[in-house]
Amino acid sequence: DMRNIFFIFLMIFTILIASQQSFKIQPKYQQRHFQLIDKWIFISMETVTKAETEEWEIIYQDDENIETLSFHRSGSMSYVSLEGDEQKKGRGTWLIKDQYIRIISKSDTIDATYKIEGDILTLTTSEEESEDFYGYTSVVQYQKD
């Protein structure tokens, strides 16, 4: 029957047209966020504690303070750190919105701003003063491996 043939042709044509439509997977993050996907080596951490007087502490990478962070395209991350004789390894996830990053590993959540200039990643975290703790700002820098 001619109507059935026309109907089948119309279905095939519709399927072909629909399959031509954009079914591309869109990236989860903007292109500039992909710069983060790499292995990063700890350079330094500068912490300013807002006590009665501001207290500054700077820690540099040396044989006693080594850390690497790896951000993966899947949204997972991993880290290895050595502080003195204590080695820590872990995995977690990372999320980005604009210049903000959230890193979640086990029961720890770090909310920070991030910026990449050249091969340097800078993570900045801040906490306001509370009844129990002084406020602080920490700036941690990593270099692309």
N, C-alpha and C. Protein backbone atom coordinates (compact mmCIF):
# COMPACT_ATOMS: atom_id res chain seq x y z
N ASP A 1 0.85 -1.18 0.00
CA ASP A 1 0.00 0.00 0.00
C ASP A 1 0.89 1.24 0.00
N MET A 2 0.54 2.20 -0.82
CA MET A 2 1.35 3.39 -1.03
C MET A 2 1.43 4.26 0.22
N ARG A 3 0.37 4.30 1.01
CA ARG A 3 0.38 5.11 2.24
C ARG A 3 1.40 4.56 3.24
N ASN A 4 1.48 3.24 3.36
CA ASN A 4 2.46 2.64 4.29
C ASN A 4 3.88 2.94 3.85
N ILE A 5 4.15 2.84 2.55
CA ILE A 5 5.48 3.14 2.04
C ILE A 5 5.81 4.60 2.29
N PHE A 6 4.85 5.50 2.03
CA PHE A 6 5.07 6.93 2.29
C PHE A 6 5.31 7.17 3.78
N PHE A 7 4.55 6.50 4.66
CA PHE A 7 4.68 6.66 6.11
C PHE A 7 6.06 6.18 6.56
N ILE A 8 6.51 5.03 6.08
CA ILE A 8 7.82 4.49 6.42
C ILE A 8 8.92 5.45 5.93
N PHE A 9 8.78 5.94 4.70
CA PHE A 9 9.74 6.89 4.16
C PHE A 9 9.80 8.15 5.03
N LEU A 10 8.64 8.64 5.45
CA LEU A 10 8.56 9.83 6.28
C LEU A 10 9.25 9.59 7.63
N MET A 11 9.05 8.41 8.22
CA MET A 11 9.68 8.07 9.51
C MET A 11 11.20 8.03 9.35
N ILE A 12 11.69 7.36 8.30
CA ILE A 12 13.13 7.27 8.07
C ILE A 12 13.71 8.67 7.86
N PHE A 13 13.03 9.49 7.05
CA PHE A 13 13.47 10.85 6.79
C PHE A 13 13.54 11.66 8.09
N THR A 14 12.53 11.53 8.95
CA THR A 14 12.48 12.24 10.22
C THR A 14 13.63 11.79 11.13
N ILE A 15 13.87 10.49 11.17
CA ILE A 15 14.97 9.98 12.00
C ILE A 15 16.31 10.50 11.49
N LEU A 16 16.50 10.50 10.17
CA LEU A 16 17.75 10.99 9.61
C LEU A 16 17.96 12.47 9.91
N ILE A 17 16.92 13.26 9.77
CA ILE A 17 17.01 14.69 10.07
C ILE A 17 17.32 14.89 11.55
N ALA A 18 16.62 14.17 12.41
CA ALA A 18 16.83 14.31 13.86
C ALA A 18 18.25 13.91 14.24
N SER A 19 18.79 12.87 13.60
CA SER A 19 20.14 12.43 13.94
C SER A 19 21.18 13.44 13.48
N GLN A 20 20.84 14.29 12.55
CA GLN A 20 21.77 15.33 12.09
C GLN A 20 21.83 16.50 13.08
N GLN A 21 20.81 16.59 13.94
CA GLN A 21 20.77 17.68 14.90
C GLN A 21 21.94 17.56 15.88
N SER A 22 22.23 18.64 16.56
CA SER A 22 23.37 18.70 17.47
C SER A 22 23.11 17.88 18.73
N PHE A 23 23.73 16.74 18.79
CA PHE A 23 23.70 15.93 20.01
C PHE A 23 25.08 15.93 20.64
N LYS A 24 25.82 17.00 20.42
CA LYS A 24 27.18 17.10 20.93
C LYS A 24 27.14 17.19 22.45
N ILE A 25 28.11 16.57 23.07
CA ILE A 25 28.24 16.69 24.52
C ILE A 25 28.89 18.03 24.81
N GLN A 26 28.23 18.82 25.59
CA GLN A 26 28.75 20.14 25.93
C GLN A 26 29.71 20.01 27.11
N PRO A 27 30.81 20.74 27.11
CA PRO A 27 31.73 20.66 28.24
C PRO A 27 31.05 21.18 29.51
N LYS A 28 31.42 20.56 30.63
CA LYS A 28 30.86 20.93 31.92
C LYS A 28 31.36 22.31 32.35
N TYR A 29 32.58 22.64 31.96
CA TYR A 29 33.21 23.89 32.36
C TYR A 29 33.57 24.70 31.13
N GLN A 30 33.83 25.97 31.35
CA GLN A 30 34.28 26.83 30.26
C GLN A 30 35.71 26.46 29.91
N GLN A 31 36.13 26.83 28.72
CA GLN A 31 37.45 26.45 28.23
C GLN A 31 38.57 26.87 29.19
N ARG A 32 38.46 28.04 29.79
CA ARG A 32 39.54 28.51 30.66
C ARG A 32 39.68 27.63 31.91
N HIS A 33 38.59 26.95 32.30
CA HIS A 33 38.67 26.08 33.47
C HIS A 33 39.49 24.82 33.19
N PHE A 34 39.62 24.45 31.92
CA PHE A 34 40.38 23.26 31.58
C PHE A 34 41.88 23.43 31.85
N GLN A 35 42.33 24.67 32.00
CA GLN A 35 43.73 24.91 32.35
C GLN A 35 44.08 24.25 33.69
N LEU A 36 43.08 24.08 34.53
CA LEU A 36 43.29 23.50 35.86
C LEU A 36 43.61 22.01 35.78
N ILE A 37 43.19 21.35 34.72
CA ILE A 37 43.35 19.90 34.61
C ILE A 37 44.82 19.60 34.32
N ASP A 38 45.52 19.20 35.38
CA ASP A 38 46.95 18.93 35.28
C ASP A 38 47.44 18.50 36.65
N LYS A 39 48.74 18.30 36.76
CA LYS A 39 49.39 17.99 38.03
C LYS A 39 50.10 19.25 38.50
N TRP A 40 49.89 19.63 39.76
CA TRP A 40 50.43 20.87 40.32
C TRP A 40 51.31 20.55 41.53
N ILE A 41 52.45 21.21 41.62
CA ILE A 41 53.40 20.98 42.71
C ILE A 41 53.42 22.20 43.63
N PHE A 42 53.30 21.95 44.92
CA PHE A 42 53.29 22.99 45.95
C PHE A 42 54.56 23.83 45.88
N ILE A 43 54.36 25.16 45.92
CA ILE A 43 55.48 26.12 45.99
C ILE A 43 55.54 26.75 47.37
N SER A 44 54.39 27.35 47.80
CA SER A 44 54.40 28.07 49.08
C SER A 44 52.98 28.28 49.58
N MET A 45 52.91 28.54 50.89
CA MET A 45 51.64 28.91 51.52
C MET A 45 51.92 30.07 52.47
N GLU A 46 51.18 31.15 52.27
CA GLU A 46 51.30 32.32 53.12
C GLU A 46 49.97 32.49 53.85
N THR A 47 50.04 32.51 55.19
CA THR A 47 48.82 32.65 55.99
C THR A 47 48.93 33.89 56.86
N VAL A 48 47.89 34.70 56.81
CA VAL A 48 47.79 35.87 57.67
C VAL A 48 46.64 35.61 58.63
N THR A 49 46.97 35.55 59.93
CA THR A 49 45.96 35.35 60.97
C THR A 49 45.63 36.71 61.56
N LYS A 50 44.33 37.01 61.62
CA LYS A 50 43.89 38.32 62.09
C LYS A 50 43.58 38.23 63.59
N ALA A 51 44.64 38.17 64.39
CA ALA A 51 44.52 38.13 65.84
C ALA A 51 44.56 39.57 66.35
N GLU A 52 44.97 39.76 67.63
CA GLU A 52 45.10 41.13 68.14
C GLU A 52 46.02 41.92 67.21
N THR A 53 47.11 41.29 66.80
CA THR A 53 47.97 41.84 65.75
C THR A 53 48.01 40.79 64.65
N GLU A 54 48.20 41.23 63.43
CA GLU A 54 48.26 40.26 62.33
C GLU A 54 49.52 39.42 62.43
N GLU A 55 49.34 38.12 62.30
CA GLU A 55 50.48 37.20 62.34
C GLU A 55 50.65 36.60 60.96
N TRP A 56 51.89 36.61 60.46
CA TRP A 56 52.20 36.08 59.13
C TRP A 56 53.00 34.80 59.28
N GLU A 57 52.66 33.81 58.49
CA GLU A 57 53.45 32.57 58.44
C GLU A 57 53.59 32.18 56.98
N ILE A 58 54.81 31.89 56.57
CA ILE A 58 55.05 31.46 55.19
C ILE A 58 55.76 30.11 55.23
N ILE A 59 55.23 29.16 54.48
CA ILE A 59 55.84 27.83 54.37
C ILE A 59 56.21 27.64 52.91
N TYR A 60 57.45 27.23 52.67
CA TYR A 60 57.92 26.98 51.32
C TYR A 60 58.13 25.48 51.13
N GLN A 61 58.06 25.06 49.87
CA GLN A 61 58.38 23.67 49.56
C GLN A 61 59.83 23.40 49.94
N ASP A 62 60.06 22.31 50.63
CA ASP A 62 61.40 21.83 50.92
C ASP A 62 61.29 20.33 51.14
N ASP A 63 62.34 19.72 51.65
CA ASP A 63 62.31 18.26 51.86
C ASP A 63 61.26 17.84 52.88
N GLU A 64 60.84 18.78 53.73
CA GLU A 64 59.85 18.49 54.78
C GLU A 64 58.42 18.81 54.36
N ASN A 65 58.25 19.61 53.31
CA ASN A 65 56.92 20.04 52.87
C ASN A 65 56.79 19.86 51.36
N ILE A 66 56.21 18.74 50.97
CA ILE A 66 56.03 18.43 49.55
C ILE A 66 54.57 18.06 49.35
N GLU A 67 53.98 18.60 48.28
CA GLU A 67 52.59 18.27 47.99
C GLU A 67 52.35 18.37 46.49
N THR A 68 51.57 17.45 45.97
CA THR A 68 51.11 17.56 44.58
C THR A 68 49.60 17.40 44.57
N LEU A 69 48.97 18.20 43.74
CA LEU A 69 47.53 18.11 43.48
C LEU A 69 47.36 17.76 42.01
N SER A 70 46.45 16.87 41.72
CA SER A 70 46.13 16.53 40.33
C SER A 70 44.63 16.69 40.13
N PHE A 71 44.26 17.53 39.18
CA PHE A 71 42.85 17.72 38.83
C PHE A 71 42.59 16.98 37.54
N HIS A 72 41.55 16.15 37.55
CA HIS A 72 41.23 15.30 36.40
C HIS A 72 39.97 15.81 35.71
N ARG A 73 39.90 15.59 34.40
CA ARG A 73 38.77 16.04 33.57
C ARG A 73 37.43 15.52 34.09
N SER A 74 37.44 14.36 34.72
CA SER A 74 36.20 13.74 35.20
C SER A 74 35.56 14.50 36.37
N GLY A 75 36.32 15.44 36.96
CA GLY A 75 35.84 16.15 38.15
C GLY A 75 36.41 15.54 39.41
N SER A 76 37.25 14.51 39.27
CA SER A 76 37.93 13.96 40.44
C SER A 76 39.27 14.66 40.60
N MET A 77 39.85 14.51 41.78
CA MET A 77 41.17 15.06 42.04
C MET A 77 41.89 14.10 42.97
N SER A 78 43.20 14.21 42.99
CA SER A 78 43.99 13.39 43.90
C SER A 78 45.12 14.25 44.45
N TYR A 79 45.63 13.85 45.61
CA TYR A 79 46.74 14.59 46.21
C TYR A 79 47.67 13.63 46.94
N VAL A 80 48.90 14.05 47.03
CA VAL A 80 49.92 13.36 47.82
C VAL A 80 50.67 14.46 48.55
N SER A 81 50.81 14.33 49.87
CA SER A 81 51.57 15.33 50.61
C SER A 81 52.50 14.65 51.60
N LEU A 82 53.60 15.31 51.87
CA LEU A 82 54.57 14.84 52.83
C LEU A 82 54.90 16.01 53.74
N GLU A 83 54.57 15.86 55.01
CA GLU A 83 54.91 16.87 56.01
C GLU A 83 55.75 16.16 57.05
N GLY A 84 57.04 16.49 57.06
CA GLY A 84 57.96 15.77 57.95
C GLY A 84 58.02 14.32 57.51
N ASP A 85 57.69 13.41 58.42
CA ASP A 85 57.71 11.98 58.09
C ASP A 85 56.32 11.45 57.76
N GLU A 86 55.32 12.31 57.79
CA GLU A 86 53.94 11.86 57.59
C GLU A 86 53.50 12.08 56.13
N GLN A 87 53.17 10.97 55.46
CA GLN A 87 52.70 11.06 54.08
C GLN A 87 51.19 10.85 54.07
N LYS A 88 50.50 11.69 53.30
CA LYS A 88 49.05 11.57 53.14
C LYS A 88 48.73 11.47 51.66
N LYS A 89 47.80 10.60 51.35
CA LYS A 89 47.31 10.46 49.98
C LYS A 89 45.80 10.49 50.05
N GLY A 90 45.19 11.01 49.01
CA GLY A 90 43.73 11.03 49.02
C GLY A 90 43.16 11.36 47.67
N ARG A 91 41.87 11.19 47.61
CA ARG A 91 41.11 11.50 46.40
C ARG A 91 39.92 12.34 46.81
N GLY A 92 39.38 13.03 45.83
CA GLY A 92 38.21 13.83 46.10
C GLY A 92 37.59 14.29 44.80
N THR A 93 36.78 15.32 44.89
CA THR A 93 36.15 15.91 43.72
C THR A 93 36.37 17.41 43.74
N TRP A 94 36.22 18.02 42.57
CA TRP A 94 36.34 19.47 42.48
C TRP A 94 35.21 20.01 41.61
N LEU A 95 34.77 21.20 41.96
CA LEU A 95 33.70 21.91 41.26
C LEU A 95 34.14 23.35 41.06
N ILE A 96 33.75 23.93 39.95
CA ILE A 96 34.14 25.31 39.64
C ILE A 96 32.93 26.12 39.23
N LYS A 97 32.90 27.36 39.69
CA LYS A 97 31.94 28.34 39.20
C LYS A 97 32.67 29.67 39.17
N ASP A 98 32.82 30.20 37.97
CA ASP A 98 33.57 31.44 37.76
C ASP A 98 34.98 31.29 38.32
N GLN A 99 35.38 32.17 39.25
CA GLN A 99 36.73 32.08 39.81
C GLN A 99 36.76 31.30 41.12
N TYR A 100 35.65 30.66 41.48
CA TYR A 100 35.56 29.91 42.73
C TYR A 100 35.74 28.42 42.49
N ILE A 101 36.44 27.77 43.42
CA ILE A 101 36.63 26.33 43.35
C ILE A 101 36.25 25.72 44.70
N ARG A 102 35.63 24.57 44.65
CA ARG A 102 35.32 23.79 45.85
C ARG A 102 35.99 22.44 45.68
N ILE A 103 36.80 22.08 46.66
CA ILE A 103 37.48 20.78 46.67
C ILE A 103 36.93 20.00 47.85
N ILE A 104 36.43 18.80 47.56
CA ILE A 104 35.84 17.95 48.60
C ILE A 104 36.63 16.66 48.66
N SER A 105 37.17 16.36 49.85
CA SER A 105 37.93 15.14 50.06
C SER A 105 37.59 14.59 51.43
N LYS A 106 37.02 13.41 51.45
CA LYS A 106 36.55 12.79 52.70
C LYS A 106 35.62 13.77 53.41
N SER A 107 35.95 14.14 54.63
CA SER A 107 35.07 15.05 55.37
C SER A 107 35.49 16.51 55.24
N ASP A 108 36.54 16.78 54.46
CA ASP A 108 37.03 18.15 54.29
C ASP A 108 36.44 18.80 53.04
N THR A 109 36.03 20.04 53.18
CA THR A 109 35.59 20.84 52.03
C THR A 109 36.36 22.15 52.06
N ILE A 110 37.01 22.45 50.95
CA ILE A 110 37.76 23.69 50.84
C ILE A 110 37.08 24.56 49.79
N ASP A 111 36.68 25.75 50.19
CA ASP A 111 36.13 26.74 49.28
C ASP A 111 37.18 27.81 49.10
N ALA A 112 37.53 28.10 47.85
CA ALA A 112 38.60 29.04 47.59
C ALA A 112 38.32 29.78 46.29
N THR A 113 39.08 30.84 46.08
CA THR A 113 39.13 31.43 44.75
C THR A 113 40.39 30.86 44.11
N TYR A 114 40.38 30.81 42.79
CA TYR A 114 41.58 30.32 42.12
C TYR A 114 41.90 31.19 40.94
N LYS A 115 43.19 31.21 40.60
CA LYS A 115 43.63 31.94 39.42
C LYS A 115 44.86 31.24 38.89
N ILE A 116 44.96 31.20 37.57
CA ILE A 116 46.12 30.61 36.92
C ILE A 116 46.77 31.70 36.07
N GLU A 117 48.02 31.96 36.36
CA GLU A 117 48.81 32.92 35.57
C GLU A 117 50.06 32.19 35.12
N GLY A 118 50.18 31.99 33.82
CA GLY A 118 51.30 31.21 33.31
C GLY A 118 51.19 29.79 33.82
N ASP A 119 52.24 29.31 34.48
CA ASP A 119 52.23 27.95 35.04
C ASP A 119 52.00 27.95 36.55
N ILE A 120 51.47 29.05 37.09
CA ILE A 120 51.26 29.17 38.54
C ILE A 120 49.76 29.17 38.86
N LEU A 121 49.37 28.26 39.75
CA LEU A 121 48.00 28.17 40.27
C LEU A 121 48.01 28.78 41.67
N THR A 122 47.10 29.72 41.90
CA THR A 122 46.97 30.33 43.22
C THR A 122 45.59 30.03 43.77
N LEU A 123 45.56 29.43 44.97
CA LEU A 123 44.31 29.17 45.69
C LEU A 123 44.28 30.06 46.92
N THR A 124 43.20 30.81 47.10
CA THR A 124 43.08 31.71 48.25
C THR A 124 41.84 31.34 49.05
N THR A 125 42.04 31.08 50.34
CA THR A 125 40.93 30.77 51.24
C THR A 125 40.91 31.81 52.35
N SER A 126 39.71 32.11 52.84
CA SER A 126 39.56 33.06 53.94
C SER A 126 38.47 32.58 54.88
N GLU A 127 38.63 32.91 56.14
CA GLU A 127 37.61 32.65 57.15
C GLU A 127 37.48 33.91 57.98
N GLU A 128 36.25 34.28 58.24
CA GLU A 128 36.01 35.42 59.13
C GLU A 128 36.20 34.97 60.58
N GLU A 129 36.47 35.93 61.44
CA GLU A 129 36.64 35.62 62.86
C GLU A 129 35.33 35.11 63.43
N SER A 130 35.43 34.12 64.32
CA SER A 130 34.24 33.60 65.02
C SER A 130 34.51 33.71 66.52
N GLU A 131 33.58 33.23 67.33
CA GLU A 131 33.78 33.26 68.78
C GLU A 131 34.95 32.38 69.19
N ASP A 132 35.21 31.32 68.43
CA ASP A 132 36.24 30.34 68.81
C ASP A 132 37.57 30.52 68.08
N PHE A 133 37.56 31.15 66.90
CA PHE A 133 38.77 31.21 66.09
C PHE A 133 38.99 32.61 65.52
N TYR A 134 40.27 32.94 65.34
CA TYR A 134 40.61 34.18 64.66
C TYR A 134 40.35 34.01 63.17
N GLY A 135 40.11 35.10 62.48
CA GLY A 135 39.97 35.05 61.04
C GLY A 135 41.34 34.89 60.39
N TYR A 136 41.35 34.40 59.15
CA TYR A 136 42.62 34.22 58.46
C TYR A 136 42.41 34.27 56.95
N THR A 137 43.50 34.48 56.25
CA THR A 137 43.54 34.36 54.79
C THR A 137 44.79 33.55 54.46
N SER A 138 44.61 32.52 53.64
CA SER A 138 45.75 31.72 53.18
C SER A 138 45.84 31.79 51.66
N VAL A 139 47.05 31.98 51.18
CA VAL A 139 47.32 32.01 49.74
C VAL A 139 48.32 30.88 49.46
N VAL A 140 47.87 29.89 48.70
CA VAL A 140 48.73 28.74 48.39
C VAL A 140 49.04 28.76 46.91
N GLN A 141 50.31 28.57 46.58
CA GLN A 141 50.71 28.59 45.18
C GLN A 141 51.30 27.24 44.77
N TYR A 142 50.97 26.83 43.55
CA TYR A 142 51.44 25.59 42.96
C TYR A 142 51.99 25.90 41.57
N GLN A 143 52.95 25.10 41.15
CA GLN A 143 53.48 25.22 39.80
C GLN A 143 53.11 23.98 39.00
N LYS A 144 52.74 24.22 37.74
CA LYS A 144 52.38 23.12 36.85
C LYS A 144 53.59 22.19 36.71
N ASP A 145 53.34 20.89 36.82
CA ASP A 145 54.43 19.90 36.72
C ASP A 145 54.89 19.76 35.29
